[in-house]
Amino acid sequence: MAQSAGQAPAALARAGKTTRLFALILIAAGAIMVIAGAVTWGMVGSKLADEKITVADDARWFAGDEVDGPLTAYSQADIIDHHAREQSGGKTYAELDREDPARATMMNASFLRASLFTSVLSFGVSAMAMGLGLLTVLIGLALLSLAKGMAATAATAAPAG
């Protein structure tokens, strides 16, 4: 079944409107993701800074810096592990005998490291949300450009009447 000359531009115009709607939805969703990721990043960093943790002076990285970001949190978790293993003879919490006095130190170190690693993970998820949000906005902008092209093509293809 062949389309008449007037049907093709009308179908293209409808497709352009649908594409434009999808583009606007993607742009809005992407912007929300970028904002949510940035707010989460800021909130986690602020809460970490509120704890007034300073990276130990003998840490491999960021010694003496305030723990307020993913790299300083990771560095502090690393040095906590190093200090705890020095006290436990290199053993982990699970490897220590139940009566070993170093077990409580290892348990506390494990909890502290887990909390810091949770912050590192939160920063990572926030960064991923911002990156995916930006990508979504860019895809939406590309679709919006296509929709404008479709509308222009439909307008020029419409029969003069």
C-alpha atoms as a PDB file:
ATOM      1  CA  MET A   1       0.000   0.000   0.000  1.00  0.00           C
ATOM      2  CA  ALA A   2       1.640   3.223  -1.156  1.00  0.00           C
ATOM      3  CA  GLN A   3       1.391   6.421   0.830  1.00  0.00           C
ATOM      4  CA  SER A   4      -0.016   9.479  -0.805  1.00  0.00           C
ATOM      5  CA  ALA A   5       2.192  12.537  -1.141  1.00  0.00           C
ATOM      6  CA  GLY A   6       0.550  14.209   1.874  1.00  0.00           C
ATOM      7  CA  GLN A   7       0.829  11.187   4.183  1.00  0.00           C
ATOM      8  CA  ALA A   8       4.634  10.892   4.214  1.00  0.00           C
ATOM      9  CA  PRO A   9       5.294  14.418   5.530  1.00  0.00           C
ATOM     10  CA  ALA A  10       2.520  14.009   8.111  1.00  0.00           C
ATOM     11  CA  ALA A  11       4.027  10.709   9.332  1.00  0.00           C
ATOM     12  CA  LEU A  12       7.468  12.315   9.479  1.00  0.00           C
ATOM     13  CA  ALA A  13       6.066  15.242  11.448  1.00  0.00           C
ATOM     14  CA  ARG A  14       4.411  12.841  13.957  1.00  0.00           C
ATOM     15  CA  ALA A  15       7.649  10.857  14.298  1.00  0.00           C
ATOM     16  CA  GLY A  16       9.521  14.122  14.843  1.00  0.00           C
ATOM     17  CA  LYS A  17       7.132  15.141  17.624  1.00  0.00           C
ATOM     18  CA  THR A  18       7.512  11.750  19.328  1.00  0.00           C
ATOM     19  CA  THR A  19      11.292  11.938  18.996  1.00  0.00           C
ATOM     20  CA  ARG A  20      11.241  15.457  20.462  1.00  0.00           C
ATOM     21  CA  LEU A  21       9.195  14.240  23.441  1.00  0.00           C
ATOM     22  CA  PHE A  22      11.632  11.367  24.100  1.00  0.00           C
ATOM     23  CA  ALA A  23      14.546  13.792  23.762  1.00  0.00           C
ATOM     24  CA  LEU A  24      13.079  16.167  26.338  1.00  0.00           C
ATOM     25  CA  ILE A  25      12.400  13.277  28.737  1.00  0.00           C
ATOM     26  CA  LEU A  26      16.012  12.077  28.373  1.00  0.00           C
ATOM     27  CA  ILE A  27      17.393  15.572  28.920  1.00  0.00           C
ATOM     28  CA  ALA A  28      15.278  16.036  32.060  1.00  0.00           C
ATOM     29  CA  ALA A  29      16.160  12.580  33.416  1.00  0.00           C
ATOM     30  CA  GLY A  30      19.853  13.145  32.722  1.00  0.00           C
ATOM     31  CA  ALA A  31      19.806  16.526  34.453  1.00  0.00           C
ATOM     32  CA  ILE A  32      18.141  14.968  37.505  1.00  0.00           C
ATOM     33  CA  MET A  33      20.828  12.251  37.600  1.00  0.00           C
ATOM     34  CA  VAL A  34      23.633  14.809  37.397  1.00  0.00           C
ATOM     35  CA  ILE A  35      22.088  16.911  40.165  1.00  0.00           C
ATOM     36  CA  ALA A  36      21.359  13.895  42.388  1.00  0.00           C
ATOM     37  CA  GLY A  37      24.898  12.570  41.938  1.00  0.00           C
ATOM     38  CA  ALA A  38      26.421  15.962  42.739  1.00  0.00           C
ATOM     39  CA  VAL A  39      24.232  16.426  45.819  1.00  0.00           C
ATOM     40  CA  THR A  40      25.115  12.944  47.071  1.00  0.00           C
ATOM     41  CA  TRP A  41      28.841  13.541  46.451  1.00  0.00           C
ATOM     42  CA  GLY A  42      28.647  16.811  48.379  1.00  0.00           C
ATOM     43  CA  MET A  43      26.647  15.318  51.224  1.00  0.00           C
ATOM     44  CA  VAL A  44      28.981  12.349  51.708  1.00  0.00           C
ATOM     45  CA  GLY A  45      32.026  14.622  51.552  1.00  0.00           C
ATOM     46  CA  SER A  46      30.474  17.023  54.038  1.00  0.00           C
ATOM     47  CA  LYS A  47      29.569  14.258  56.494  1.00  0.00           C
ATOM     48  CA  LEU A  48      33.074  12.817  56.253  1.00  0.00           C
ATOM     49  CA  ALA A  49      34.581  16.260  56.869  1.00  0.00           C
ATOM     50  CA  ASP A  50      32.284  16.719  59.899  1.00  0.00           C
ATOM     51  CA  GLU A  51      33.997  13.726  61.517  1.00  0.00           C
ATOM     52  CA  LYS A  52      37.309  15.674  61.584  1.00  0.00           C
ATOM     53  CA  ILE A  53      39.339  12.624  60.524  1.00  0.00           C
ATOM     54  CA  THR A  54      42.899  13.285  59.430  1.00  0.00           C
ATOM     55  CA  VAL A  55      44.861  10.787  57.362  1.00  0.00           C
ATOM     56  CA  ALA A  56      47.601   9.306  59.544  1.00  0.00           C
ATOM     57  CA  ASP A  57      51.051  10.851  59.133  1.00  0.00           C
ATOM     58  CA  ASP A  58      52.562   7.529  58.077  1.00  0.00           C
ATOM     59  CA  ALA A  59      49.978   6.821  55.367  1.00  0.00           C
ATOM     60  CA  ARG A  60      51.224   6.046  51.860  1.00  0.00           C
ATOM     61  CA  TRP A  61      49.079   8.796  50.340  1.00  0.00           C
ATOM     62  CA  PHE A  62      47.596  12.079  51.561  1.00  0.00           C
ATOM     63  CA  ALA A  63      49.327  11.990  54.968  1.00  0.00           C
ATOM     64  CA  GLY A  64      47.981  14.766  57.190  1.00  0.00           C
ATOM     65  CA  ASP A  65      45.085  15.631  54.854  1.00  0.00           C
ATOM     66  CA  GLU A  66      41.496  15.864  56.032  1.00  0.00           C
ATOM     67  CA  VAL A  67      39.356  12.857  55.101  1.00  0.00           C
ATOM     68  CA  ASP A  68      36.653  14.422  52.939  1.00  0.00           C
ATOM     69  CA  GLY A  69      36.827  12.587  49.621  1.00  0.00           C
ATOM     70  CA  PRO A  70      37.184   9.123  48.130  1.00  0.00           C
ATOM     71  CA  LEU A  71      40.980   9.132  47.880  1.00  0.00           C
ATOM     72  CA  THR A  72      41.603  10.336  51.429  1.00  0.00           C
ATOM     73  CA  ALA A  73      38.995   7.890  52.778  1.00  0.00           C
ATOM     74  CA  TYR A  74      40.695   5.033  50.947  1.00  0.00           C
ATOM     75  CA  SER A  75      44.114   6.142  52.191  1.00  0.00           C
ATOM     76  CA  GLN A  76      42.931   6.247  55.805  1.00  0.00           C
ATOM     77  CA  ALA A  77      41.307   2.809  55.483  1.00  0.00           C
ATOM     78  CA  ASP A  78      44.577   1.465  54.102  1.00  0.00           C
ATOM     79  CA  ILE A  79      46.679   2.804  56.979  1.00  0.00           C
ATOM     80  CA  ILE A  80      44.153   1.561  59.559  1.00  0.00           C
ATOM     81  CA  ASP A  81      44.606  -1.924  58.112  1.00  0.00           C
ATOM     82  CA  HIS A  82      48.392  -1.536  58.229  1.00  0.00           C
ATOM     83  CA  HIS A  83      48.371  -0.437  61.894  1.00  0.00           C
ATOM     84  CA  ALA A  84      45.941  -3.143  62.961  1.00  0.00           C
ATOM     85  CA  ARG A  85      47.923  -5.895  61.244  1.00  0.00           C
ATOM     86  CA  GLU A  86      51.090  -4.686  62.965  1.00  0.00           C
ATOM     87  CA  GLN A  87      49.356  -5.279  66.293  1.00  0.00           C
ATOM     88  CA  SER A  88      47.942  -8.649  65.265  1.00  0.00           C
ATOM     89  CA  GLY A  89      51.144 -10.048  63.825  1.00  0.00           C
ATOM     90  CA  GLY A  90      49.824  -9.745  60.282  1.00  0.00           C
ATOM     91  CA  LYS A  91      46.647 -11.723  60.935  1.00  0.00           C
ATOM     92  CA  THR A  92      43.121 -10.651  60.040  1.00  0.00           C
ATOM     93  CA  TYR A  93      40.246 -10.620  62.526  1.00  0.00           C
ATOM     94  CA  ALA A  94      39.039 -14.010  61.279  1.00  0.00           C
ATOM     95  CA  GLU A  95      42.486 -15.565  61.629  1.00  0.00           C
ATOM     96  CA  LEU A  96      42.921 -14.586  65.283  1.00  0.00           C
ATOM     97  CA  ASP A  97      42.098 -16.926  68.141  1.00  0.00           C
ATOM     98  CA  ARG A  98      38.930 -15.932  70.004  1.00  0.00           C
ATOM     99  CA  GLU A  99      40.958 -15.253  73.146  1.00  0.00           C
ATOM    100  CA  ASP A 100      43.636 -13.152  71.433  1.00  0.00           C
ATOM    101  CA  PRO A 101      43.664  -9.630  72.957  1.00  0.00           C
ATOM    102  CA  ALA A 102      44.366  -8.144  69.495  1.00  0.00           C
ATOM    103  CA  ARG A 103      40.985  -9.430  68.293  1.00  0.00           C
ATOM    104  CA  ALA A 104      39.094  -6.388  69.660  1.00  0.00           C
ATOM    105  CA  THR A 105      41.532  -4.026  67.938  1.00  0.00           C
ATOM    106  CA  MET A 106      41.116  -5.917  64.676  1.00  0.00           C
ATOM    107  CA  MET A 107      37.331  -5.836  65.022  1.00  0.00           C
ATOM    108  CA  ASN A 108      37.336  -2.046  65.544  1.00  0.00           C
ATOM    109  CA  ALA A 109      39.750  -1.597  62.648  1.00  0.00           C
ATOM    110  CA  SER A 110      37.522  -3.728  60.457  1.00  0.00           C
ATOM    111  CA  PHE A 111      34.447  -1.630  61.333  1.00  0.00           C
ATOM    112  CA  LEU A 112      36.303   1.633  60.696  1.00  0.00           C
ATOM    113  CA  ARG A 113      37.626   0.408  57.358  1.00  0.00           C
ATOM    114  CA  ALA A 114      34.163  -0.815  56.311  1.00  0.00           C
ATOM    115  CA  SER A 115      32.701   2.615  57.112  1.00  0.00           C
ATOM    116  CA  LEU A 116      35.393   4.376  55.108  1.00  0.00           C
ATOM    117  CA  PHE A 117      34.975   1.951  52.201  1.00  0.00           C
ATOM    118  CA  THR A 118      31.216   2.625  52.256  1.00  0.00           C
ATOM    119  CA  SER A 119      32.045   6.294  51.746  1.00  0.00           C
ATOM    120  CA  VAL A 120      34.391   5.422  48.876  1.00  0.00           C
ATOM    121  CA  LEU A 121      31.623   3.350  47.306  1.00  0.00           C
ATOM    122  CA  SER A 122      29.141   6.218  47.742  1.00  0.00           C
ATOM    123  CA  PHE A 123      31.496   8.573  45.940  1.00  0.00           C
ATOM    124  CA  GLY A 124      31.841   6.044  43.132  1.00  0.00           C
ATOM    125  CA  VAL A 125      28.099   5.607  42.718  1.00  0.00           C
ATOM    126  CA  SER A 126      27.672   9.394  42.760  1.00  0.00           C
ATOM    127  CA  ALA A 127      30.303   9.803  40.049  1.00  0.00           C
ATOM    128  CA  MET A 128      28.641   7.077  37.991  1.00  0.00           C
ATOM    129  CA  ALA A 129      25.235   8.779  38.334  1.00  0.00           C
ATOM    130  CA  MET A 130      26.720  12.086  37.200  1.00  0.00           C
ATOM    131  CA  GLY A 131      28.496  10.453  34.257  1.00  0.00           C
ATOM    132  CA  LEU A 132      25.443   8.518  33.134  1.00  0.00           C
ATOM    133  CA  GLY A 133      23.310  11.617  33.611  1.00  0.00           C
ATOM    134  CA  LEU A 134      25.617  13.633  31.382  1.00  0.00           C
ATOM    135  CA  LEU A 135      25.579  10.871  28.772  1.00  0.00           C
ATOM    136  CA  THR A 136      21.778  10.774  28.930  1.00  0.00           C
ATOM    137  CA  VAL A 137      21.587  14.553  28.420  1.00  0.00           C
ATOM    138  CA  LEU A 138      23.904  14.273  25.409  1.00  0.00           C
ATOM    139  CA  ILE A 139      21.763  11.491  23.901  1.00  0.00           C
ATOM    140  CA  GLY A 140      18.677  13.637  24.491  1.00  0.00           C
ATOM    141  CA  LEU A 141      20.324  16.600  22.763  1.00  0.00           C
ATOM    142  CA  ALA A 142      21.240  14.394  19.800  1.00  0.00           C
ATOM    143  CA  LEU A 143      17.640  13.159  19.557  1.00  0.00           C
ATOM    144  CA  LEU A 144      16.384  16.737  19.809  1.00  0.00           C
ATOM    145  CA  SER A 145      18.607  17.658  16.868  1.00  0.00           C
ATOM    146  CA  LEU A 146      17.190  14.725  14.896  1.00  0.00           C
ATOM    147  CA  ALA A 147      13.646  15.782  15.765  1.00  0.00           C
ATOM    148  CA  LYS A 148      14.323  19.304  14.480  1.00  0.00           C
ATOM    149  CA  GLY A 149      15.696  17.836  11.274  1.00  0.00           C
ATOM    150  CA  MET A 150      12.630  15.637  10.891  1.00  0.00           C
ATOM    151  CA  ALA A 151      10.340  18.619  11.397  1.00  0.00           C
ATOM    152  CA  ALA A 152      12.238  20.674   8.831  1.00  0.00           C
ATOM    153  CA  THR A 153      12.157  17.830   6.316  1.00  0.00           C
ATOM    154  CA  ALA A 154       8.429  17.312   6.878  1.00  0.00           C
ATOM    155  CA  ALA A 155       7.783  21.030   6.389  1.00  0.00           C
ATOM    156  CA  THR A 156       9.700  21.173   3.106  1.00  0.00           C
ATOM    157  CA  ALA A 157       8.214  17.889   1.842  1.00  0.00           C
ATOM    158  CA  ALA A 158       4.631  18.945   2.472  1.00  0.00           C
ATOM    159  CA  PRO A 159       2.754  19.578  -0.748  1.00  0.00           C
ATOM    160  CA  ALA A 160       2.121  23.222  -1.492  1.00  0.00           C
ATOM    161  CA  GLY A 161      -1.493  23.883  -1.109  1.00  0.00           C
END
